PDB file of N, CA and C in Angstrom:
ATOM      1  N   UNK A   1       0.846  -1.182   0.000  1.00  0.00           N
ATOM      2  CA  UNK A   1       0.000   0.000   0.000  1.00  0.00           C
ATOM      3  C   UNK A   1       0.891   1.244   0.000  1.00  0.00           C
ATOM      4  N   UNK A   2       0.681   2.147  -0.954  1.00  0.00           N
ATOM      5  CA  UNK A   2       1.482   3.379  -0.965  1.00  0.00           C
ATOM      6  C   UNK A   2       1.095   4.273   0.214  1.00  0.00           C
ATOM      7  N   UNK A   3       2.036   5.102   0.673  1.00  0.00           N
ATOM      8  CA  UNK A   3       1.717   5.976   1.802  1.00  0.00           C
ATOM      9  C   UNK A   3       0.669   7.025   1.434  1.00  0.00           C
ATOM     10  N   UNK A   4      -0.119   7.381   2.431  1.00  0.00           N
ATOM     11  CA  UNK A   4      -1.056   8.497   2.286  1.00  0.00           C
ATOM     12  C   UNK A   4      -0.336   9.755   2.763  1.00  0.00           C
ATOM     13  N   UNK A   5      -0.571  10.858   2.105  1.00  0.00           N
ATOM     14  CA  UNK A   5       0.006  12.123   2.544  1.00  0.00           C
ATOM     15  C   UNK A   5      -0.898  12.731   3.602  1.00  0.00           C
ATOM     16  N   UNK A   6      -0.325  13.153   4.711  1.00  0.00           N
ATOM     17  CA  UNK A   6      -1.067  13.799   5.793  1.00  0.00           C
ATOM     18  C   UNK A   6      -0.682  15.274   5.778  1.00  0.00           C
ATOM     19  N   UNK A   7      -1.462  16.063   5.061  1.00  0.00           N
ATOM     20  CA  UNK A   7      -1.157  17.484   4.918  1.00  0.00           C
ATOM     21  C   UNK A   7      -1.635  18.226   6.166  1.00  0.00           C
ATOM     22  N   UNK A   8      -0.674  18.761   6.921  1.00  0.00           N
ATOM     23  CA  UNK A   8      -0.956  19.440   8.182  1.00  0.00           C
ATOM     24  C   UNK A   8      -0.907  20.944   7.954  1.00  0.00           C
ATOM     25  N   UNK A   9      -2.028  21.615   8.219  1.00  0.00           N
ATOM     26  CA  UNK A   9      -2.108  23.072   8.113  1.00  0.00           C
ATOM     27  C   UNK A   9      -2.429  23.639   9.491  1.00  0.00           C
ATOM     28  N   UNK A  10      -1.861  24.797   9.790  1.00  0.00           N
ATOM     29  CA  UNK A  10      -2.020  25.400  11.108  1.00  0.00           C
ATOM     30  C   UNK A  10      -2.493  26.833  10.962  1.00  0.00           C
ATOM     31  N   UNK A  11      -3.459  27.186  11.781  1.00  0.00           N
ATOM     32  CA  UNK A  11      -3.916  28.576  11.905  1.00  0.00           C
ATOM     33  C   UNK A  11      -3.716  28.931  13.374  1.00  0.00           C
ATOM     34  N   UNK A  12      -2.954  29.995  13.644  1.00  0.00           N
ATOM     35  CA  UNK A  12      -2.640  30.336  15.032  1.00  0.00           C
ATOM     36  C   UNK A  12      -2.707  31.839  15.266  1.00  0.00           C
ATOM     37  N   UNK A  13      -2.981  32.171  16.513  1.00  0.00           N
ATOM     38  CA  UNK A  13      -2.929  33.550  16.977  1.00  0.00           C
ATOM     39  C   UNK A  13      -1.964  33.567  18.154  1.00  0.00           C
ATOM     40  N   UNK A  14      -0.957  34.437  18.071  1.00  0.00           N
ATOM     41  CA  UNK A  14       0.037  34.542  19.132  1.00  0.00           C
ATOM     42  C   UNK A  14       0.117  35.989  19.609  1.00  0.00           C
ATOM     43  N   UNK A  15       0.620  36.138  20.836  1.00  0.00           N
ATOM     44  CA  UNK A  15       0.819  37.480  21.387  1.00  0.00           C
ATOM     45  C   UNK A  15       2.309  37.776  21.478  1.00  0.00           C
ATOM     46  N   UNK A  16       2.658  39.031  21.222  1.00  0.00           N
ATOM     47  CA  UNK A  16       4.030  39.501  21.352  1.00  0.00           C
ATOM     48  C   UNK A  16       4.004  40.812  22.136  1.00  0.00           C
ATOM     49  N   UNK A  17       5.173  41.303  22.532  1.00  0.00           N
ATOM     50  CA  UNK A  17       5.184  42.445  23.448  1.00  0.00           C
ATOM     51  C   UNK A  17       5.232  43.814  22.782  1.00  0.00           C
ATOM     52  N   UNK A  18       5.629  43.888  21.518  1.00  0.00           N
ATOM     53  CA  UNK A  18       5.794  45.203  20.888  1.00  0.00           C
ATOM     54  C   UNK A  18       5.322  45.190  19.441  1.00  0.00           C
ATOM     55  N   UNK A  19       4.867  46.337  18.985  1.00  0.00           N
ATOM     56  CA  UNK A  19       4.390  46.461  17.605  1.00  0.00           C
ATOM     57  C   UNK A  19       5.488  46.120  16.600  1.00  0.00           C
ATOM     58  N   UNK A  20       6.723  46.488  16.929  1.00  0.00           N
ATOM     59  CA  UNK A  20       7.847  46.191  16.033  1.00  0.00           C
ATOM     60  C   UNK A  20       8.101  44.692  15.897  1.00  0.00           C
ATOM     61  N   UNK A  21       7.562  43.906  16.811  1.00  0.00           N
ATOM     62  CA  UNK A  21       7.773  42.449  16.789  1.00  0.00           C
ATOM     63  C   UNK A  21       6.690  41.690  16.025  1.00  0.00           C
ATOM     64  N   UNK A  22       5.617  42.363  15.610  1.00  0.00           N
ATOM     65  CA  UNK A  22       4.487  41.649  14.998  1.00  0.00           C
ATOM     66  C   UNK A  22       4.917  40.900  13.733  1.00  0.00           C
ATOM     67  N   UNK A  23       5.442  41.599  12.753  1.00  0.00           N
ATOM     68  CA  UNK A  23       5.810  40.946  11.484  1.00  0.00           C
ATOM     69  C   UNK A  23       6.941  39.935  11.685  1.00  0.00           C
ATOM     70  N   UNK A  24       8.031  40.287  12.407  1.00  0.00           N
ATOM     71  CA  UNK A  24       9.077  39.286  12.627  1.00  0.00           C
ATOM     72  C   UNK A  24       8.580  38.043  13.378  1.00  0.00           C
ATOM     73  N   UNK A  25       7.645  38.229  14.296  1.00  0.00           N
ATOM     74  CA  UNK A  25       7.100  37.096  15.040  1.00  0.00           C
ATOM     75  C   UNK A  25       6.282  36.200  14.120  1.00  0.00           C
ATOM     76  N   UNK A  26       5.427  36.798  13.309  1.00  0.00           N
ATOM     77  CA  UNK A  26       4.648  35.994  12.352  1.00  0.00           C
ATOM     78  C   UNK A  26       5.565  35.228  11.412  1.00  0.00           C
ATOM     79  N   UNK A  27       6.596  35.904  10.911  1.00  0.00           N
ATOM     80  CA  UNK A  27       7.545  35.264   9.990  1.00  0.00           C
ATOM     81  C   UNK A  27       8.282  34.119  10.678  1.00  0.00           C
ATOM     82  N   UNK A  28       8.746  34.340  11.897  1.00  0.00           N
ATOM     83  CA  UNK A  28       9.477  33.296  12.633  1.00  0.00           C
ATOM     84  C   UNK A  28       8.574  32.095  12.926  1.00  0.00           C
ATOM     85  N   UNK A  29       7.329  32.350  13.253  1.00  0.00           N
ATOM     86  CA  UNK A  29       6.388  31.256  13.521  1.00  0.00           C
ATOM     87  C   UNK A  29       6.123  30.438  12.259  1.00  0.00           C
ATOM     88  N   UNK A  30       5.921  31.121  11.145  1.00  0.00           N
ATOM     89  CA  UNK A  30       5.686  30.417   9.880  1.00  0.00           C
ATOM     90  C   UNK A  30       6.894  29.571   9.490  1.00  0.00           C
ATOM     91  N   UNK A  31       8.086  30.120   9.654  1.00  0.00           N
ATOM     92  CA  UNK A  31       9.309  29.366   9.338  1.00  0.00           C
ATOM     93  C   UNK A  31       9.437  28.152  10.253  1.00  0.00           C
ATOM     94  N   UNK A  32       9.126  28.324  11.530  1.00  0.00           N
ATOM     95  CA  UNK A  32       9.220  27.206  12.478  1.00  0.00           C
ATOM     96  C   UNK A  32       8.252  26.088  12.092  1.00  0.00           C
ATOM     97  N   UNK A  33       7.031  26.452  11.702  1.00  0.00           N
ATOM     98  CA  UNK A  33       6.054  25.445  11.281  1.00  0.00           C
ATOM     99  C   UNK A  33       6.511  24.721  10.020  1.00  0.00           C
ATOM    100  N   UNK A  34       6.979  25.477   9.037  1.00  0.00           N
ATOM    101  CA  UNK A  34       7.454  24.869   7.785  1.00  0.00           C
ATOM    102  C   UNK A  34       8.616  23.916   8.046  1.00  0.00           C
ATOM    103  N   UNK A  35       9.544  24.357   8.888  1.00  0.00           N
ATOM    104  CA  UNK A  35      10.721  23.537   9.199  1.00  0.00           C
ATOM    105  C   UNK A  35      10.310  22.255   9.933  1.00  0.00           C
ATOM    106  N   UNK A  36       9.463  22.387  10.942  1.00  0.00           N
ATOM    107  CA  UNK A  36       9.054  21.235  11.753  1.00  0.00           C
ATOM    108  C   UNK A  36       8.244  20.223  10.937  1.00  0.00           C
ATOM    109  N   UNK A  37       7.400  20.711  10.031  1.00  0.00           N
ATOM    110  CA  UNK A  37       6.520  19.824   9.260  1.00  0.00           C
ATOM    111  C   UNK A  37       7.125  19.385   7.924  1.00  0.00           C
ATOM    112  N   UNK A  38       8.381  19.714   7.675  1.00  0.00           N
ATOM    113  CA  UNK A  38       9.054  19.270   6.460  1.00  0.00           C
ATOM    114  C   UNK A  38       9.231  17.752   6.496  1.00  0.00           C
ATOM    115  N   UNK A  39       8.788  17.084   5.471  1.00  0.00           N
ATOM    116  CA  UNK A  39       8.809  15.623   5.436  1.00  0.00           C
ATOM    117  C   UNK A  39      10.211  15.057   5.643  1.00  0.00           C
ATOM    118  N   UNK A  40      11.197  15.617   4.992  1.00  0.00           N
ATOM    119  CA  UNK A  40      12.548  15.047   5.023  1.00  0.00           C
ATOM    120  C   UNK A  40      13.452  15.602   6.108  1.00  0.00           C
ATOM    121  N   UNK A  41      13.271  16.879   6.478  1.00  0.00           N
ATOM    122  CA  UNK A  41      14.175  17.502   7.438  1.00  0.00           C
ATOM    123  C   UNK A  41      13.458  18.064   8.657  1.00  0.00           C
ATOM    124  N   UNK A  42      12.200  17.722   8.827  1.00  0.00           N
ATOM    125  CA  UNK A  42      11.430  18.254   9.939  1.00  0.00           C
ATOM    126  C   UNK A  42      11.531  17.404  11.191  1.00  0.00           C
ATOM    127  N   UNK A  43      10.510  17.552  12.047  1.00  0.00           N
ATOM    128  CA  UNK A  43      10.439  16.770  13.278  1.00  0.00           C
ATOM    129  C   UNK A  43      11.509  17.277  14.253  1.00  0.00           C
ATOM    130  N   UNK A  44      11.563  16.712  15.412  1.00  0.00           N
ATOM    131  CA  UNK A  44      12.543  17.097  16.430  1.00  0.00           C
ATOM    132  C   UNK A  44      13.933  16.668  15.962  1.00  0.00           C
ATOM    133  N   UNK A  45      14.868  17.574  16.014  1.00  0.00           N
ATOM    134  CA  UNK A  45      16.237  17.267  15.627  1.00  0.00           C
ATOM    135  C   UNK A  45      16.466  17.178  14.132  1.00  0.00           C
ATOM    136  N   UNK A  46      15.459  17.493  13.329  1.00  0.00           N
ATOM    137  CA  UNK A  46      15.618  17.495  11.884  1.00  0.00           C
ATOM    138  C   UNK A  46      15.788  16.122  11.268  1.00  0.00           C
ATOM    139  N   UNK A  47      15.248  15.096  11.918  1.00  0.00           N
ATOM    140  CA  UNK A  47      15.409  13.724  11.415  1.00  0.00           C
ATOM    141  C   UNK A  47      14.369  13.335  10.373  1.00  0.00           C
ATOM    142  N   UNK A  48      13.388  14.219  10.144  1.00  0.00           N
ATOM    143  CA  UNK A  48      12.338  13.928   9.173  1.00  0.00           C
ATOM    144  C   UNK A  48      11.225  13.088   9.768  1.00  0.00           C
ATOM    145  N   UNK A  49      10.175  12.950   9.011  1.00  0.00           N
ATOM    146  CA  UNK A  49       8.999  12.191   9.445  1.00  0.00           C
ATOM    147  C   UNK A  49       9.020  10.801   8.830  1.00  0.00           C
ATOM    148  N   UNK A  50       8.745   9.815   9.643  1.00  0.00           N
ATOM    149  CA  UNK A  50       8.667   8.438   9.176  1.00  0.00           C
ATOM    150  C   UNK A  50       7.207   8.087   8.885  1.00  0.00           C
ATOM    151  N   UNK A  51       6.993   7.128   8.031  1.00  0.00           N
ATOM    152  CA  UNK A  51       5.636   6.655   7.759  1.00  0.00           C
ATOM    153  C   UNK A  51       5.037   6.158   9.071  1.00  0.00           C
ATOM    154  N   UNK A  52       3.823   6.608   9.353  1.00  0.00           N
ATOM    155  CA  UNK A  52       3.113   6.188  10.562  1.00  0.00           C
ATOM    156  C   UNK A  52       3.246   7.131  11.739  1.00  0.00           C
ATOM    157  N   UNK A  53       4.160   8.103  11.683  1.00  0.00           N
ATOM    158  CA  UNK A  53       4.286   9.056  12.784  1.00  0.00           C
ATOM    159  C   UNK A  53       3.179  10.096  12.689  1.00  0.00           C
ATOM    160  N   UNK A  54       2.709  10.534  13.845  1.00  0.00           N
ATOM    161  CA  UNK A  54       1.614  11.495  13.901  1.00  0.00           C
ATOM    162  C   UNK A  54       2.082  12.832  14.456  1.00  0.00           C
ATOM    163  N   UNK A  55       1.382  13.860  14.070  1.00  0.00           N
ATOM    164  CA  UNK A  55       1.601  15.206  14.599  1.00  0.00           C
ATOM    165  C   UNK A  55       0.535  15.456  15.652  1.00  0.00           C
ATOM    166  N   UNK A  56       0.931  16.076  16.746  1.00  0.00           N
ATOM    167  CA  UNK A  56      -0.024  16.413  17.797  1.00  0.00           C
ATOM    168  C   UNK A  56      -0.066  17.935  17.964  1.00  0.00           C
ATOM    169  N   UNK A  57      -1.252  18.472  18.124  1.00  0.00           N
ATOM    170  CA  UNK A  57      -1.408  19.920  18.279  1.00  0.00           C
ATOM    171  C   UNK A  57      -0.588  20.440  19.460  1.00  0.00           C
ATOM    172  N   UNK A  58      -0.459  19.647  20.507  1.00  0.00           N
ATOM    173  CA  UNK A  58       0.307  20.085  21.684  1.00  0.00           C
ATOM    174  C   UNK A  58       1.773  20.347  21.316  1.00  0.00           C
ATOM    175  N   UNK A  59       2.333  19.557  20.412  1.00  0.00           N
ATOM    176  CA  UNK A  59       3.721  19.784  19.973  1.00  0.00           C
ATOM    177  C   UNK A  59       3.819  21.096  19.204  1.00  0.00           C
ATOM    178  N   UNK A  60       2.776  21.428  18.447  1.00  0.00           N
ATOM    179  CA  UNK A  60       2.787  22.668  17.679  1.00  0.00           C
ATOM    180  C   UNK A  60       2.659  23.878  18.601  1.00  0.00           C
ATOM    181  N   UNK A  61       1.873  23.747  19.684  1.00  0.00           N
ATOM    182  CA  UNK A  61       1.810  24.816  20.697  1.00  0.00           C
ATOM    183  C   UNK A  61       3.211  25.083  21.232  1.00  0.00           C
ATOM    184  N   UNK A  62       3.891  24.023  21.633  1.00  0.00           N
ATOM    185  CA  UNK A  62       5.239  24.163  22.180  1.00  0.00           C
ATOM    186  C   UNK A  62       6.206  24.763  21.184  1.00  0.00           C
ATOM    187  N   UNK A  63       6.085  24.352  19.941  1.00  0.00           N
ATOM    188  CA  UNK A  63       6.939  24.883  18.882  1.00  0.00           C
ATOM    189  C   UNK A  63       6.762  26.389  18.752  1.00  0.00           C
ATOM    190  N   UNK A  64       5.520  26.845  18.672  1.00  0.00           N
ATOM    191  CA  UNK A  64       5.269  28.285  18.535  1.00  0.00           C
ATOM    192  C   UNK A  64       5.667  29.038  19.797  1.00  0.00           C
ATOM    193  N   UNK A  65       5.435  28.432  20.944  1.00  0.00           N
ATOM    194  CA  UNK A  65       5.808  29.070  22.207  1.00  0.00           C
ATOM    195  C   UNK A  65       7.324  29.237  22.305  1.00  0.00           C
ATOM    196  N   UNK A  66       8.080  28.404  21.612  1.00  0.00           N
ATOM    197  CA  UNK A  66       9.548  28.488  21.672  1.00  0.00           C
ATOM    198  C   UNK A  66      10.113  29.626  20.827  1.00  0.00           C
ATOM    199  N   UNK A  67       9.288  30.243  19.996  1.00  0.00           N
ATOM    200  CA  UNK A  67       9.754  31.404  19.212  1.00  0.00           C
ATOM    201  C   UNK A  67      10.018  32.540  20.208  1.00  0.00           C
ATOM    202  N   UNK A  68      11.201  33.093  20.148  1.00  0.00           N
ATOM    203  CA  UNK A  68      11.686  34.049  21.150  1.00  0.00           C
ATOM    204  C   UNK A  68      10.711  35.181  21.454  1.00  0.00           C
ATOM    205  N   UNK A  69      10.049  35.740  20.449  1.00  0.00           N
ATOM    206  CA  UNK A  69       9.192  36.909  20.670  1.00  0.00           C
ATOM    207  C   UNK A  69       7.730  36.558  20.970  1.00  0.00           C
ATOM    208  N   UNK A  70       7.404  35.280  21.056  1.00  0.00           N
ATOM    209  CA  UNK A  70       6.032  34.883  21.378  1.00  0.00           C
ATOM    210  C   UNK A  70       5.860  34.864  22.897  1.00  0.00           C
ATOM    211  N   UNK A  71       4.910  35.662  23.386  1.00  0.00           N
ATOM    212  CA  UNK A  71       4.587  35.654  24.811  1.00  0.00           C
ATOM    213  C   UNK A  71       3.622  34.527  25.140  1.00  0.00           C
ATOM    214  N   UNK A  72       2.654  34.311  24.233  1.00  0.00           N
ATOM    215  CA  UNK A  72       1.624  33.301  24.475  1.00  0.00           C
ATOM    216  C   UNK A  72       0.999  32.884  23.141  1.00  0.00           C
ATOM    217  N   UNK A  73       0.659  31.615  23.060  1.00  0.00           N
ATOM    218  CA  UNK A  73      -0.123  31.125  21.924  1.00  0.00           C
ATOM    219  C   UNK A  73      -1.576  31.172  22.381  1.00  0.00           C
ATOM    220  N   UNK A  74      -2.344  32.085  21.807  1.00  0.00           N
ATOM    221  CA  UNK A  74      -3.733  32.263  22.223  1.00  0.00           C
ATOM    222  C   UNK A  74      -4.659  31.231  21.591  1.00  0.00           C
ATOM    223  N   UNK A  75      -4.377  30.868  20.346  1.00  0.00           N
ATOM    224  CA  UNK A  75      -5.251  29.967  19.606  1.00  0.00           C
ATOM    225  C   UNK A  75      -4.419  29.175  18.618  1.00  0.00           C
ATOM    226  N   UNK A  76      -4.720  27.896  18.510  1.00  0.00           N
ATOM    227  CA  UNK A  76      -4.072  27.074  17.498  1.00  0.00           C
ATOM    228  C   UNK A  76      -5.095  26.082  16.984  1.00  0.00           C
ATOM    229  N   UNK A  77      -5.255  26.070  15.675  1.00  0.00           N
ATOM    230  CA  UNK A  77      -6.170  25.116  15.041  1.00  0.00           C
ATOM    231  C   UNK A  77      -5.368  24.359  13.987  1.00  0.00           C
ATOM    232  N   UNK A  78      -5.350  23.048  14.136  1.00  0.00           N
ATOM    233  CA  UNK A  78      -4.626  22.191  13.202  1.00  0.00           C
ATOM    234  C   UNK A  78      -5.637  21.470  12.323  1.00  0.00           C
ATOM    235  N   UNK A  79      -5.419  21.529  11.022  1.00  0.00           N
ATOM    236  CA  UNK A  79      -6.259  20.833  10.057  1.00  0.00           C
ATOM    237  C   UNK A  79      -5.431  19.727   9.420  1.00  0.00           C
ATOM    238  N   UNK A  80      -6.038  18.553   9.298  1.00  0.00           N
ATOM    239  CA  UNK A  80      -5.361  17.420   8.663  1.00  0.00           C
ATOM    240  C   UNK A  80      -6.167  17.011   7.433  1.00  0.00           C
ATOM    241  N   UNK A  81      -5.514  17.034   6.282  1.00  0.00           N
ATOM    242  CA  UNK A  81      -6.124  16.568   5.045  1.00  0.00           C
ATOM    243  C   UNK A  81      -5.337  15.340   4.591  1.00  0.00           C
ATOM    244  N   UNK A  82      -6.040  14.232   4.433  1.00  0.00           N
ATOM    245  CA  UNK A  82      -5.425  13.002   3.949  1.00  0.00           C
ATOM    246  C   UNK A  82      -5.571  12.961   2.437  1.00  0.00           C
ATOM    247  N   UNK A  83      -4.442  12.782   1.761  1.00  0.00           N
ATOM    248  CA  UNK A  83      -4.447  12.679   0.295  1.00  0.00           C
ATOM    249  C   UNK A  83      -4.018  11.260  -0.037  1.00  0.00           C
ATOM    250  N   UNK A  84      -4.962  10.540  -0.624  1.00  0.00           N
ATOM    251  CA  UNK A  84      -4.752   9.112  -0.862  1.00  0.00           C
ATOM    252  C   UNK A  84      -5.465   8.707  -2.145  1.00  0.00           C
ATOM    253  N   UNK A  85      -4.756   8.023  -3.016  1.00  0.00           N
ATOM    254  CA  UNK A  85      -5.312   7.571  -4.295  1.00  0.00           C
ATOM    255  C   UNK A  85      -5.956   8.717  -5.084  1.00  0.00           C
ATOM    256  N   UNK A  86      -5.306   9.893  -5.038  1.00  0.00           N
ATOM    257  CA  UNK A  86      -5.795  11.028  -5.808  1.00  0.00           C
ATOM    258  C   UNK A  86      -6.972  11.762  -5.193  1.00  0.00           C
ATOM    259  N   UNK A  87      -7.393  11.357  -3.997  1.00  0.00           N
ATOM    260  CA  UNK A  87      -8.523  12.011  -3.333  1.00  0.00           C
ATOM    261  C   UNK A  87      -8.070  12.638  -2.019  1.00  0.00           C
ATOM    262  N   UNK A  88      -8.666  13.773  -1.688  1.00  0.00           N
ATOM    263  CA  UNK A  88      -8.346  14.469  -0.445  1.00  0.00           C
ATOM    264  C   UNK A  88      -9.578  14.516   0.441  1.00  0.00           C
ATOM    265  N   UNK A  89      -9.350  14.264   1.746  1.00  0.00           N
ATOM    266  CA  UNK A  89     -10.445  14.365   2.715  1.00  0.00           C
ATOM    267  C   UNK A  89      -9.891  14.868   4.047  1.00  0.00           C
ATOM    268  N   UNK A  90     -10.661  15.712   4.707  1.00  0.00           N
ATOM    269  CA  UNK A  90     -10.247  16.227   6.003  1.00  0.00           C
ATOM    270  C   UNK A  90     -10.614  15.224   7.087  1.00  0.00           C
ATOM    271  N   UNK A  91      -9.676  15.034   8.036  1.00  0.00           N
ATOM    272  CA  UNK A  91      -9.916  14.124   9.152  1.00  0.00           C
ATOM    273  C   UNK A  91      -9.533  14.828  10.450  1.00  0.00           C
ATOM    274  N   UNK A  92      -9.972  14.269  11.566  1.00  0.00           N
ATOM    275  CA  UNK A  92      -9.626  14.826  12.866  1.00  0.00           C
ATOM    276  C   UNK A  92      -8.227  14.373  13.278  1.00  0.00           C
ATOM    277  N   UNK A  93      -7.652  15.069  14.247  1.00  0.00           N
ATOM    278  CA  UNK A  93      -6.344  14.680  14.782  1.00  0.00           C
ATOM    279  C   UNK A  93      -6.403  13.253  15.330  1.00  0.00           C
ATOM    280  N   UNK A  94      -7.506  12.893  15.958  1.00  0.00           N
ATOM    281  CA  UNK A  94      -7.655  11.545  16.525  1.00  0.00           C
ATOM    282  C   UNK A  94      -7.615  10.462  15.449  1.00  0.00           C
ATOM    283  N   UNK A  95      -8.042  10.796  14.241  1.00  0.00           N
ATOM    284  CA  UNK A  95      -8.071   9.814  13.151  1.00  0.00           C
ATOM    285  C   UNK A  95      -6.674   9.459  12.644  1.00  0.00           C
ATOM    286  N   UNK A  96      -5.663  10.247  13.020  1.00  0.00           N
ATOM    287  CA  UNK A  96      -4.298   9.970  12.558  1.00  0.00           C
ATOM    288  C   UNK A  96      -3.814   8.599  13.010  1.00  0.00           C
ATOM    289  N   UNK A  97      -4.264   8.141  14.173  1.00  0.00           N
ATOM    290  CA  UNK A  97      -3.809   6.833  14.671  1.00  0.00           C
ATOM    291  C   UNK A  97      -4.313   5.688  13.789  1.00  0.00           C
ATOM    292  N   UNK A  98      -5.339   5.951  12.995  1.00  0.00           N
ATOM    293  CA  UNK A  98      -5.882   4.934  12.089  1.00  0.00           C
ATOM    294  C   UNK A  98      -5.226   4.977  10.710  1.00  0.00           C
ATOM    295  N   UNK A  99      -4.159   5.764  10.583  1.00  0.00           N
ATOM    296  CA  UNK A  99      -3.476   5.910   9.300  1.00  0.00           C
ATOM    297  C   UNK A  99      -1.998   5.534   9.437  1.00  0.00           C
ATOM    298  N   UNK A 100      -1.706   4.274   9.733  1.00  0.00           N
ATOM    299  CA  UNK A 100      -0.308   3.873   9.927  1.00  0.00           C
ATOM    300  C   UNK A 100       0.529   3.968   8.653  1.00  0.00           C
ATOM    301  N   UNK A 101      -0.122   4.172   7.534  1.00  0.00           N
ATOM    302  CA  UNK A 101       0.589   4.305   6.255  1.00  0.00           C
ATOM    303  C   UNK A 101       0.690   5.767   5.817  1.00  0.00           C
ATOM    304  N   UNK A 102       0.438   6.686   6.751  1.00  0.00           N
ATOM    305  CA  UNK A 102       0.485   8.116   6.420  1.00  0.00           C
ATOM    306  C   UNK A 102       1.843   8.728   6.688  1.00  0.00           C
ATOM    307  N   UNK A 103       2.178   9.749   5.919  1.00  0.00           N
ATOM    308  CA  UNK A 103       3.418  10.499   6.137  1.00  0.00           C
ATOM    309  C   UNK A 103       3.110  11.996   6.115  1.00  0.00           C
ATOM    310  N   UNK A 104       3.683  12.702   7.061  1.00  0.00           N
ATOM    311  CA  UNK A 104       3.424  14.125   7.262  1.00  0.00           C
ATOM    312  C   UNK A 104       4.026  14.962   6.137  1.00  0.00           C
ATOM    313  N   UNK A 105       3.218  15.905   5.648  1.00  0.00           N
ATOM    314  CA  UNK A 105       3.690  16.946   4.737  1.00  0.00           C
ATOM    315  C   UNK A 105       3.123  18.278   5.231  1.00  0.00           C
ATOM    316  N   UNK A 106       3.856  19.339   4.990  1.00  0.00           N
ATOM    317  CA  UNK A 106       3.424  20.663   5.432  1.00  0.00           C
ATOM    318  C   UNK A 106       2.344  21.196   4.520  1.00  0.00           C
ATOM    319  N   UNK A 107       1.315  21.757   5.129  1.00  0.00           N
ATOM    320  CA  UNK A 107       0.223  22.369   4.376  1.00  0.00           C
ATOM    321  C   UNK A 107       0.394  23.881   4.329  1.00  0.00           C
ATOM    322  N   UNK A 108      -0.715  24.585   4.444  1.00  0.00           N
ATOM    323  CA  UNK A 108      -0.735  26.043   4.410  1.00  0.00           C
ATOM    324  C   UNK A 108      -0.937  26.558   5.829  1.00  0.00           C
ATOM    325  N   UNK A 109      -0.134  27.515   6.217  1.00  0.00           N
ATOM    326  CA  UNK A 109      -0.190  28.020   7.587  1.00  0.00           C
ATOM    327  C   UNK A 109      -0.512  29.512   7.601  1.00  0.00           C
ATOM    328  N   UNK A 110      -1.192  29.910   8.668  1.00  0.00           N
ATOM    329  CA  UNK A 110      -1.525  31.327   8.870  1.00  0.00           C
ATOM    330  C   UNK A 110      -1.278  31.651  10.335  1.00  0.00           C
ATOM    331  N   UNK A 111      -0.423  32.620  10.584  1.00  0.00           N
ATOM    332  CA  UNK A 111      -0.132  33.044  11.952  1.00  0.00           C
ATOM    333  C   UNK A 111      -0.388  34.537  12.045  1.00  0.00           C
ATOM    334  N   UNK A 112      -1.172  34.918  13.035  1.00  0.00           N
ATOM    335  CA  UNK A 112      -1.468  36.321  13.294  1.00  0.00           C
ATOM    336  C   UNK A 112      -0.910  36.676  14.666  1.00  0.00           C
ATOM    337  N   UNK A 113      -0.099  37.710  14.718  1.00  0.00           N
ATOM    338  CA  UNK A 113       0.458  38.171  15.996  1.00  0.00           C
ATOM    339  C   UNK A 113      -0.226  39.469  16.400  1.00  0.00           C
ATOM    340  N   UNK A 114      -0.427  39.607  17.702  1.00  0.00           N
ATOM    341  CA  UNK A 114      -0.988  40.845  18.238  1.00  0.00           C
ATOM    342  C   UNK A 114      -0.199  41.240  19.481  1.00  0.00           C
ATOM    343  N   UNK A 115      -0.353  42.488  19.861  1.00  0.00           N
ATOM    344  CA  UNK A 115       0.354  42.989  21.042  1.00  0.00           C
ATOM    345  C   UNK A 115      -0.468  42.636  22.277  1.00  0.00           C
ATOM    346  N   UNK A 116       0.217  42.229  23.298  1.00  0.00           N
ATOM    347  CA  UNK A 116      -0.553  41.928  24.494  1.00  0.00           C
ATOM    348  C   UNK A 116       0.252  41.350  25.555  1.00  0.00           C
TER     349      UNK A 116
END
């Protein structure tokens, strides 16, 4: 059975301390998400994602919280789209455990920073 692609997209709202930090914070968060969700060089330590490994929203919270200028992650919504046999369908995070033949790929991300 060929692997299914697990396209992970993130929409997040984070807080930063200064107006000058808004754009750099959004950019740093987007880069962190892209790097972490990269199929070949992502994951912890840059070892890449193996078939059957799952992404958890809690890990993404921690990832965004580790960005130097992020004070707090106010909201994080993770969307998972399974692409298999030419068809795409959205599934819940809990459904990932039923996809042992899935491999993580980065989707589309949106991060909004505000002062607070």
